[in-house]
């Protein structure tokens, strides 16, 4: 079991300014007053990441109705995000975290293994940030099938509490 640096009940990195497509710059503090779904994914235009992003795209009206914004995060460039957004008709912003500052603030850079080689990469993760900027729920090591529906259901549970 990994001992994460950011856990449920703790303040998210509200003042960390990051590059975001299409707006240019973003801080979580700018979204205070709304629920925010922040999902981290390894790479634009790969199968699992595309499936997850498209599922968030398709359910955005449900999240919007629940006063929630969706923000995707990867280490890809703004240009890559622009291409990904256009190709998949994504309807929410994507943070370009090339220096990994935002990823590190959420503690999602973890050791991974691929074809017997260890490397540091983004652990697919999702966080629900409440309107006060506190992590209300966190999923680590996400498996894509059914995940977006689980996030929406949990958001509604948190809002009803």
N, C-alpha and C. Protein backbone atom coordinates (compact mmCIF):
# COMPACT_ATOMS: atom_id res chain seq x y z
N UNK A 1 0.85 -1.19 0.00
CA UNK A 1 0.00 0.00 0.00
C UNK A 1 0.89 1.25 0.00
N UNK A 2 0.61 2.15 -0.90
CA UNK A 2 1.39 3.38 -1.01
C UNK A 2 0.85 4.40 -0.02
N UNK A 3 1.76 5.08 0.66
CA UNK A 3 1.39 6.15 1.58
C UNK A 3 1.43 7.46 0.79
N UNK A 4 0.28 7.94 0.36
CA UNK A 4 0.21 9.12 -0.49
C UNK A 4 0.35 10.40 0.32
N UNK A 5 0.90 11.44 -0.33
CA UNK A 5 1.08 12.73 0.32
C UNK A 5 -0.19 13.56 0.33
N UNK A 6 -1.14 13.27 -0.57
CA UNK A 6 -2.40 14.00 -0.61
C UNK A 6 -3.54 13.01 -0.48
N UNK A 7 -4.38 13.24 0.50
CA UNK A 7 -5.45 12.29 0.81
C UNK A 7 -6.78 13.00 0.98
N UNK A 8 -7.85 12.22 1.03
CA UNK A 8 -9.19 12.75 1.25
C UNK A 8 -9.18 13.57 2.55
N UNK A 9 -9.84 14.73 2.51
CA UNK A 9 -9.92 15.60 3.67
C UNK A 9 -8.84 16.67 3.71
N UNK A 10 -7.91 16.62 2.77
CA UNK A 10 -6.83 17.60 2.73
C UNK A 10 -7.06 18.61 1.61
N UNK A 11 -6.52 19.82 1.80
CA UNK A 11 -6.64 20.86 0.78
C UNK A 11 -5.84 20.48 -0.46
N UNK A 12 -6.42 20.71 -1.61
CA UNK A 12 -5.72 20.50 -2.88
C UNK A 12 -4.76 21.66 -3.11
N UNK A 13 -3.92 21.54 -4.11
CA UNK A 13 -2.94 22.58 -4.46
C UNK A 13 -3.66 23.74 -5.15
N UNK A 14 -4.23 24.63 -4.36
CA UNK A 14 -5.11 25.67 -4.90
C UNK A 14 -4.38 26.77 -5.66
N UNK A 15 -3.17 27.12 -5.24
CA UNK A 15 -2.49 28.28 -5.81
C UNK A 15 -1.42 27.95 -6.83
N UNK A 16 -1.27 26.70 -7.18
CA UNK A 16 -0.28 26.29 -8.17
C UNK A 16 -0.80 26.65 -9.56
N UNK A 17 -0.10 27.56 -10.24
CA UNK A 17 -0.53 27.98 -11.58
C UNK A 17 0.05 27.03 -12.62
N UNK A 18 -0.80 26.57 -13.52
CA UNK A 18 -0.39 25.62 -14.55
C UNK A 18 -0.90 26.06 -15.91
N UNK A 19 -0.26 25.52 -16.95
CA UNK A 19 -0.71 25.77 -18.33
C UNK A 19 -1.91 24.87 -18.59
N UNK A 20 -2.93 25.45 -19.20
CA UNK A 20 -4.15 24.68 -19.48
C UNK A 20 -4.66 25.03 -20.88
N UNK A 21 -5.10 24.02 -21.59
CA UNK A 21 -5.68 24.24 -22.91
C UNK A 21 -7.20 24.24 -22.77
N UNK A 22 -7.92 25.21 -23.26
CA UNK A 22 -7.50 26.30 -24.13
C UNK A 22 -7.27 27.64 -23.42
N UNK A 23 -7.43 27.74 -22.12
CA UNK A 23 -7.42 29.05 -21.46
C UNK A 23 -6.05 29.69 -21.27
N UNK A 24 -4.97 28.98 -21.29
CA UNK A 24 -3.59 29.44 -21.11
C UNK A 24 -3.07 29.18 -19.70
N UNK A 25 -3.68 29.77 -18.67
CA UNK A 25 -3.22 29.57 -17.29
C UNK A 25 -4.41 29.25 -16.39
N UNK A 26 -4.14 28.48 -15.33
CA UNK A 26 -5.22 28.05 -14.43
C UNK A 26 -4.67 27.76 -13.05
N UNK A 27 -5.46 28.07 -12.03
CA UNK A 27 -5.22 27.66 -10.65
C UNK A 27 -6.52 27.07 -10.13
N UNK A 28 -6.43 26.02 -9.32
CA UNK A 28 -7.65 25.45 -8.73
C UNK A 28 -8.41 26.50 -7.92
N UNK A 29 -7.70 27.46 -7.37
CA UNK A 29 -8.36 28.52 -6.60
C UNK A 29 -9.39 29.25 -7.46
N UNK A 30 -9.15 29.29 -8.78
CA UNK A 30 -10.09 29.95 -9.70
C UNK A 30 -11.44 29.23 -9.75
N UNK A 31 -11.46 27.97 -9.35
CA UNK A 31 -12.68 27.16 -9.43
C UNK A 31 -13.38 27.01 -8.08
N UNK A 32 -12.89 27.69 -7.04
CA UNK A 32 -13.55 27.60 -5.74
C UNK A 32 -15.01 28.02 -5.90
N UNK A 33 -15.87 27.32 -5.19
CA UNK A 33 -17.30 27.56 -5.30
C UNK A 33 -18.00 26.52 -6.17
N UNK A 34 -17.22 25.76 -6.91
CA UNK A 34 -17.74 24.66 -7.73
C UNK A 34 -17.06 23.36 -7.31
N UNK A 35 -17.70 22.26 -7.60
CA UNK A 35 -17.05 20.97 -7.48
C UNK A 35 -16.15 20.81 -8.70
N UNK A 36 -14.99 20.19 -8.51
CA UNK A 36 -14.06 19.99 -9.63
C UNK A 36 -13.63 18.53 -9.65
N UNK A 37 -13.74 17.93 -10.81
CA UNK A 37 -13.25 16.57 -11.03
C UNK A 37 -11.92 16.72 -11.76
N UNK A 38 -10.83 16.32 -11.10
CA UNK A 38 -9.51 16.38 -11.71
C UNK A 38 -9.09 14.94 -11.98
N UNK A 39 -8.90 14.62 -13.25
CA UNK A 39 -8.45 13.26 -13.55
C UNK A 39 -7.10 13.31 -14.26
N UNK A 40 -6.21 12.46 -13.80
CA UNK A 40 -4.85 12.37 -14.33
C UNK A 40 -4.77 11.13 -15.21
N UNK A 41 -4.18 11.30 -16.38
CA UNK A 41 -4.05 10.18 -17.32
C UNK A 41 -2.65 10.22 -17.93
N UNK A 42 -2.12 9.07 -18.32
CA UNK A 42 -0.74 9.02 -18.79
C UNK A 42 -0.42 9.73 -20.10
N UNK A 43 -1.25 9.60 -21.14
CA UNK A 43 -0.83 10.10 -22.45
C UNK A 43 -2.01 10.35 -23.38
N UNK A 44 -1.97 11.52 -24.02
CA UNK A 44 -2.97 11.85 -25.04
C UNK A 44 -2.98 10.78 -26.14
N UNK A 45 -4.15 10.53 -26.66
CA UNK A 45 -4.37 9.69 -27.85
C UNK A 45 -3.92 8.24 -27.70
N UNK A 46 -3.84 7.75 -26.48
CA UNK A 46 -3.63 6.31 -26.28
C UNK A 46 -4.99 5.71 -25.94
N UNK A 47 -5.12 4.41 -26.09
CA UNK A 47 -6.47 3.82 -26.04
C UNK A 47 -7.20 4.05 -24.72
N UNK A 48 -6.60 3.70 -23.60
CA UNK A 48 -7.28 3.87 -22.31
C UNK A 48 -7.56 5.32 -21.99
N UNK A 49 -6.59 6.18 -22.30
CA UNK A 49 -6.75 7.61 -22.01
C UNK A 49 -7.83 8.23 -22.89
N UNK A 50 -7.89 7.80 -24.14
CA UNK A 50 -8.93 8.29 -25.04
C UNK A 50 -10.31 7.83 -24.58
N UNK A 51 -10.41 6.56 -24.21
CA UNK A 51 -11.70 6.04 -23.72
C UNK A 51 -12.16 6.81 -22.50
N UNK A 52 -11.27 7.01 -21.53
CA UNK A 52 -11.63 7.73 -20.30
C UNK A 52 -12.05 9.16 -20.62
N UNK A 53 -11.26 9.84 -21.43
CA UNK A 53 -11.56 11.24 -21.77
C UNK A 53 -12.89 11.36 -22.50
N UNK A 54 -13.15 10.43 -23.41
CA UNK A 54 -14.42 10.47 -24.15
C UNK A 54 -15.61 10.16 -23.25
N UNK A 55 -15.42 9.30 -22.25
CA UNK A 55 -16.50 9.05 -21.30
C UNK A 55 -16.79 10.29 -20.45
N UNK A 56 -15.74 11.01 -20.04
CA UNK A 56 -15.97 12.28 -19.34
C UNK A 56 -16.66 13.27 -20.28
N UNK A 57 -16.23 13.32 -21.53
CA UNK A 57 -16.87 14.20 -22.53
C UNK A 57 -18.36 13.91 -22.63
N UNK A 58 -18.69 12.65 -22.75
CA UNK A 58 -20.08 12.26 -22.97
C UNK A 58 -20.97 12.49 -21.76
N UNK A 59 -20.38 12.52 -20.57
CA UNK A 59 -21.18 12.73 -19.35
C UNK A 59 -21.05 14.15 -18.80
N UNK A 60 -20.35 15.02 -19.53
CA UNK A 60 -20.19 16.40 -19.05
C UNK A 60 -21.52 17.06 -18.72
N UNK A 61 -22.59 16.89 -19.51
CA UNK A 61 -23.86 17.51 -19.12
C UNK A 61 -24.34 17.08 -17.73
N UNK A 62 -24.12 15.82 -17.37
CA UNK A 62 -24.52 15.34 -16.04
C UNK A 62 -23.66 15.98 -14.95
N UNK A 63 -22.36 16.10 -15.21
CA UNK A 63 -21.48 16.75 -14.24
C UNK A 63 -21.81 18.24 -14.12
N UNK A 64 -22.06 18.88 -15.25
CA UNK A 64 -22.41 20.31 -15.23
C UNK A 64 -23.70 20.55 -14.46
N UNK A 65 -24.68 19.66 -14.63
CA UNK A 65 -25.95 19.78 -13.90
C UNK A 65 -25.72 19.66 -12.39
N UNK A 66 -24.63 19.00 -12.01
CA UNK A 66 -24.29 18.84 -10.59
C UNK A 66 -23.28 19.91 -10.14
N UNK A 67 -23.17 21.01 -10.91
CA UNK A 67 -22.26 22.11 -10.59
C UNK A 67 -20.81 21.62 -10.45
N UNK A 68 -20.40 20.74 -11.36
CA UNK A 68 -19.03 20.22 -11.33
C UNK A 68 -18.33 20.48 -12.66
N UNK A 69 -17.07 20.88 -12.55
CA UNK A 69 -16.22 21.08 -13.72
C UNK A 69 -15.32 19.86 -13.85
N UNK A 70 -14.94 19.54 -15.07
CA UNK A 70 -14.01 18.43 -15.32
C UNK A 70 -12.73 19.02 -15.89
N UNK A 71 -11.60 18.54 -15.36
CA UNK A 71 -10.30 18.96 -15.85
C UNK A 71 -9.42 17.72 -15.98
N UNK A 72 -8.87 17.51 -17.17
CA UNK A 72 -7.95 16.41 -17.39
C UNK A 72 -6.52 16.90 -17.25
N UNK A 73 -5.61 16.01 -16.83
CA UNK A 73 -4.21 16.38 -16.63
C UNK A 73 -3.30 15.28 -17.16
N UNK A 74 -2.32 15.68 -17.96
CA UNK A 74 -1.24 14.77 -18.35
C UNK A 74 0.03 15.60 -18.53
N UNK A 75 1.13 14.92 -18.83
CA UNK A 75 2.39 15.62 -19.05
C UNK A 75 2.56 16.05 -20.50
N UNK A 76 1.54 15.86 -21.31
CA UNK A 76 1.62 16.23 -22.72
C UNK A 76 1.64 17.75 -22.88
N UNK A 77 2.15 18.20 -24.02
CA UNK A 77 2.24 19.63 -24.32
C UNK A 77 0.86 20.23 -24.64
N UNK A 78 0.80 21.55 -24.63
CA UNK A 78 -0.44 22.23 -25.01
C UNK A 78 -0.81 21.90 -26.46
N UNK A 79 0.20 21.78 -27.32
CA UNK A 79 -0.07 21.42 -28.72
C UNK A 79 -0.69 20.03 -28.81
N UNK A 80 -0.15 19.09 -28.05
CA UNK A 80 -0.72 17.74 -28.03
C UNK A 80 -2.16 17.78 -27.52
N UNK A 81 -2.39 18.57 -26.46
CA UNK A 81 -3.75 18.70 -25.92
C UNK A 81 -4.70 19.31 -26.96
N UNK A 82 -4.21 20.30 -27.71
CA UNK A 82 -5.04 20.91 -28.75
C UNK A 82 -5.44 19.86 -29.79
N UNK A 83 -4.49 19.05 -30.21
CA UNK A 83 -4.77 18.00 -31.19
C UNK A 83 -5.73 16.96 -30.63
N UNK A 84 -5.50 16.55 -29.38
CA UNK A 84 -6.34 15.55 -28.72
C UNK A 84 -7.77 16.08 -28.58
N UNK A 85 -7.88 17.33 -28.13
CA UNK A 85 -9.19 17.97 -27.95
C UNK A 85 -9.95 18.03 -29.26
N UNK A 86 -9.26 18.43 -30.32
CA UNK A 86 -9.91 18.54 -31.63
C UNK A 86 -10.31 17.17 -32.16
N UNK A 87 -9.40 16.21 -32.09
CA UNK A 87 -9.66 14.87 -32.64
C UNK A 87 -10.83 14.19 -31.93
N UNK A 88 -10.92 14.36 -30.60
CA UNK A 88 -11.94 13.65 -29.81
C UNK A 88 -13.11 14.54 -29.41
N UNK A 89 -13.14 15.79 -29.89
CA UNK A 89 -14.20 16.75 -29.56
C UNK A 89 -14.40 16.88 -28.05
N UNK A 90 -13.28 16.99 -27.33
CA UNK A 90 -13.37 17.14 -25.88
C UNK A 90 -13.95 18.50 -25.55
N UNK A 91 -14.78 18.54 -24.52
CA UNK A 91 -15.53 19.75 -24.18
C UNK A 91 -15.18 20.28 -22.78
N UNK A 92 -13.95 20.02 -22.36
CA UNK A 92 -13.45 20.50 -21.06
C UNK A 92 -11.95 20.73 -21.21
N UNK A 93 -11.35 21.51 -20.31
CA UNK A 93 -9.93 21.84 -20.43
C UNK A 93 -8.99 20.71 -20.00
N UNK A 94 -7.77 20.79 -20.53
CA UNK A 94 -6.71 19.83 -20.20
C UNK A 94 -5.48 20.59 -19.72
N UNK A 95 -4.98 20.21 -18.56
CA UNK A 95 -3.75 20.81 -18.02
C UNK A 95 -2.55 20.13 -18.64
N UNK A 96 -1.62 20.95 -19.11
CA UNK A 96 -0.34 20.47 -19.63
C UNK A 96 0.68 20.60 -18.49
N UNK A 97 1.05 19.48 -17.92
CA UNK A 97 1.94 19.48 -16.75
C UNK A 97 3.30 18.89 -17.12
N UNK A 98 3.96 19.53 -18.07
CA UNK A 98 5.23 19.01 -18.57
C UNK A 98 6.31 18.97 -17.49
N UNK A 99 6.26 19.89 -16.53
CA UNK A 99 7.27 19.87 -15.45
C UNK A 99 6.83 19.03 -14.25
N UNK A 100 5.66 18.44 -14.32
CA UNK A 100 5.10 17.53 -13.31
C UNK A 100 4.76 18.19 -11.97
N UNK A 101 4.74 19.51 -11.89
CA UNK A 101 4.47 20.19 -10.62
C UNK A 101 3.06 19.86 -10.10
N UNK A 102 2.07 19.90 -10.98
CA UNK A 102 0.69 19.61 -10.57
C UNK A 102 0.56 18.13 -10.22
N UNK A 103 1.16 17.28 -11.05
CA UNK A 103 1.13 15.83 -10.77
C UNK A 103 1.76 15.52 -9.42
N UNK A 104 2.88 16.17 -9.13
CA UNK A 104 3.56 15.93 -7.85
C UNK A 104 2.73 16.45 -6.68
N UNK A 105 2.03 17.56 -6.88
CA UNK A 105 1.18 18.10 -5.81
C UNK A 105 0.06 17.12 -5.45
N UNK A 106 -0.39 16.34 -6.42
CA UNK A 106 -1.42 15.33 -6.19
C UNK A 106 -0.82 13.94 -5.97
N UNK A 107 0.50 13.87 -6.01
CA UNK A 107 1.23 12.63 -5.74
C UNK A 107 0.82 11.50 -6.68
N UNK A 108 0.74 11.81 -7.98
CA UNK A 108 0.36 10.78 -8.95
C UNK A 108 1.52 10.28 -9.79
N UNK A 109 2.73 10.81 -9.58
CA UNK A 109 3.90 10.27 -10.27
C UNK A 109 4.39 9.10 -9.43
N UNK A 110 4.24 7.92 -9.99
CA UNK A 110 4.57 6.69 -9.26
C UNK A 110 5.42 5.78 -10.14
N UNK A 111 6.11 4.86 -9.48
CA UNK A 111 6.89 3.88 -10.23
C UNK A 111 5.95 2.92 -10.95
N UNK A 112 6.24 2.71 -12.22
CA UNK A 112 5.43 1.81 -13.05
C UNK A 112 6.36 0.81 -13.72
N UNK A 113 5.77 -0.22 -14.28
CA UNK A 113 6.56 -1.23 -14.99
C UNK A 113 5.91 -1.51 -16.33
N UNK A 114 6.74 -1.55 -17.38
CA UNK A 114 6.26 -1.86 -18.72
C UNK A 114 7.31 -2.71 -19.43
N UNK A 115 6.91 -3.89 -19.85
CA UNK A 115 7.82 -4.82 -20.51
C UNK A 115 9.08 -5.06 -19.68
N UNK A 116 8.90 -5.19 -18.36
CA UNK A 116 10.00 -5.49 -17.47
C UNK A 116 10.87 -4.31 -17.08
N UNK A 117 10.57 -3.12 -17.58
CA UNK A 117 11.37 -1.94 -17.25
C UNK A 117 10.60 -1.04 -16.30
N UNK A 118 11.29 -0.59 -15.25
CA UNK A 118 10.68 0.34 -14.30
C UNK A 118 10.89 1.77 -14.78
N UNK A 119 9.89 2.59 -14.56
CA UNK A 119 9.99 4.00 -14.89
C UNK A 119 8.99 4.77 -14.04
N UNK A 120 9.15 6.09 -13.99
CA UNK A 120 8.23 6.94 -13.24
C UNK A 120 7.21 7.51 -14.23
N UNK A 121 5.94 7.33 -13.90
CA UNK A 121 4.89 7.81 -14.79
C UNK A 121 3.64 8.18 -14.01
N UNK A 122 2.66 8.69 -14.71
CA UNK A 122 1.40 9.09 -14.08
C UNK A 122 0.59 7.84 -13.75
N UNK A 123 0.21 7.74 -12.48
CA UNK A 123 -0.73 6.71 -12.05
C UNK A 123 -2.13 7.25 -12.36
N UNK A 124 -2.88 6.55 -13.18
CA UNK A 124 -4.22 7.02 -13.54
C UNK A 124 -5.02 7.23 -12.25
N UNK A 125 -5.43 8.47 -12.02
CA UNK A 125 -6.07 8.84 -10.75
C UNK A 125 -7.14 9.89 -11.01
N UNK A 126 -8.12 9.93 -10.12
CA UNK A 126 -9.19 10.93 -10.20
C UNK A 126 -9.47 11.46 -8.80
N UNK A 127 -9.70 12.77 -8.72
CA UNK A 127 -10.00 13.43 -7.46
C UNK A 127 -11.26 14.26 -7.61
N UNK A 128 -12.11 14.20 -6.60
CA UNK A 128 -13.23 15.13 -6.50
C UNK A 128 -12.82 16.19 -5.49
N UNK A 129 -12.79 17.44 -5.94
CA UNK A 129 -12.44 18.57 -5.08
C UNK A 129 -13.74 19.31 -4.77
N UNK A 130 -14.01 19.53 -3.48
CA UNK A 130 -15.27 20.19 -3.12
C UNK A 130 -15.16 21.71 -3.33
N UNK A 131 -16.26 22.45 -3.20
CA UNK A 131 -16.24 23.89 -3.47
C UNK A 131 -15.30 24.69 -2.57
N UNK A 132 -14.86 24.10 -1.45
CA UNK A 132 -13.92 24.78 -0.56
C UNK A 132 -12.47 24.43 -0.90
N UNK A 133 -12.25 23.57 -1.90
CA UNK A 133 -10.90 23.21 -2.30
C UNK A 133 -10.31 22.01 -1.58
N UNK A 134 -11.16 21.24 -0.92
CA UNK A 134 -10.72 20.07 -0.16
C UNK A 134 -10.98 18.81 -0.99
N UNK A 135 -10.04 17.87 -0.94
CA UNK A 135 -10.21 16.59 -1.64
C UNK A 135 -11.33 15.82 -0.94
N UNK A 136 -12.43 15.61 -1.65
CA UNK A 136 -13.59 14.91 -1.08
C UNK A 136 -13.56 13.42 -1.39
N UNK A 137 -12.88 13.04 -2.48
CA UNK A 137 -12.76 11.63 -2.86
C UNK A 137 -11.55 11.48 -3.76
N UNK A 138 -10.92 10.32 -3.70
CA UNK A 138 -9.75 10.05 -4.54
C UNK A 138 -9.77 8.60 -5.00
N UNK A 139 -9.47 8.40 -6.25
CA UNK A 139 -9.30 7.06 -6.82
C UNK A 139 -7.87 7.00 -7.35
N UNK A 140 -7.14 5.97 -7.00
CA UNK A 140 -5.77 5.76 -7.49
C UNK A 140 -5.72 4.45 -8.26
N UNK A 141 -4.83 4.37 -9.23
CA UNK A 141 -4.72 3.14 -10.00
C UNK A 141 -6.02 2.79 -10.70
N UNK A 142 -6.65 3.79 -11.29
CA UNK A 142 -7.98 3.65 -11.89
C UNK A 142 -7.98 2.66 -13.05
N UNK A 143 -9.01 1.85 -13.08
CA UNK A 143 -9.34 1.02 -14.25
C UNK A 143 -10.46 1.74 -14.97
N UNK A 144 -10.33 1.94 -16.26
CA UNK A 144 -11.24 2.81 -17.02
C UNK A 144 -12.69 2.32 -17.06
N UNK A 145 -12.97 1.04 -17.37
CA UNK A 145 -14.38 0.64 -17.51
C UNK A 145 -15.22 0.93 -16.25
N UNK A 146 -16.28 1.71 -16.43
CA UNK A 146 -17.19 2.03 -15.34
C UNK A 146 -16.73 3.14 -14.41
N UNK A 147 -15.51 3.64 -14.61
CA UNK A 147 -14.97 4.62 -13.67
C UNK A 147 -15.73 5.95 -13.69
N UNK A 148 -16.00 6.48 -14.86
CA UNK A 148 -16.67 7.78 -14.94
C UNK A 148 -18.04 7.72 -14.29
N UNK A 149 -18.77 6.64 -14.50
CA UNK A 149 -20.08 6.49 -13.85
C UNK A 149 -19.93 6.44 -12.33
N UNK A 150 -18.87 5.79 -11.84
CA UNK A 150 -18.63 5.72 -10.40
C UNK A 150 -18.30 7.10 -9.84
N UNK A 151 -17.55 7.90 -10.59
CA UNK A 151 -17.22 9.27 -10.15
C UNK A 151 -18.49 10.10 -10.05
N UNK A 152 -19.34 10.03 -11.06
CA UNK A 152 -20.59 10.80 -11.05
C UNK A 152 -21.48 10.37 -9.89
N UNK A 153 -21.60 9.08 -9.67
CA UNK A 153 -22.42 8.58 -8.56
C UNK A 153 -21.88 9.05 -7.22
N UNK A 154 -20.57 9.01 -7.05
CA UNK A 154 -19.96 9.44 -5.78
C UNK A 154 -20.13 10.95 -5.59
N UNK A 155 -19.99 11.72 -6.66
CA UNK A 155 -20.22 13.16 -6.58
C UNK A 155 -21.61 13.44 -6.05
N UNK A 156 -22.60 12.77 -6.59
CA UNK A 156 -23.99 12.98 -6.16
C UNK A 156 -24.18 12.57 -4.70
N UNK A 157 -23.52 11.49 -4.27
CA UNK A 157 -23.59 11.08 -2.85
C UNK A 157 -22.99 12.15 -1.95
N UNK A 158 -21.84 12.68 -2.34
CA UNK A 158 -21.17 13.71 -1.54
C UNK A 158 -22.04 14.97 -1.45
N UNK A 159 -22.67 15.33 -2.54
CA UNK A 159 -23.51 16.52 -2.55
C UNK A 159 -24.77 16.34 -1.72
N UNK A 160 -25.26 15.11 -1.63
CA UNK A 160 -26.48 14.84 -0.87
C UNK A 160 -26.22 14.74 0.63
N UNK A 161 -24.95 14.54 1.00
CA UNK A 161 -24.61 14.33 2.42
C UNK A 161 -24.74 15.61 3.22
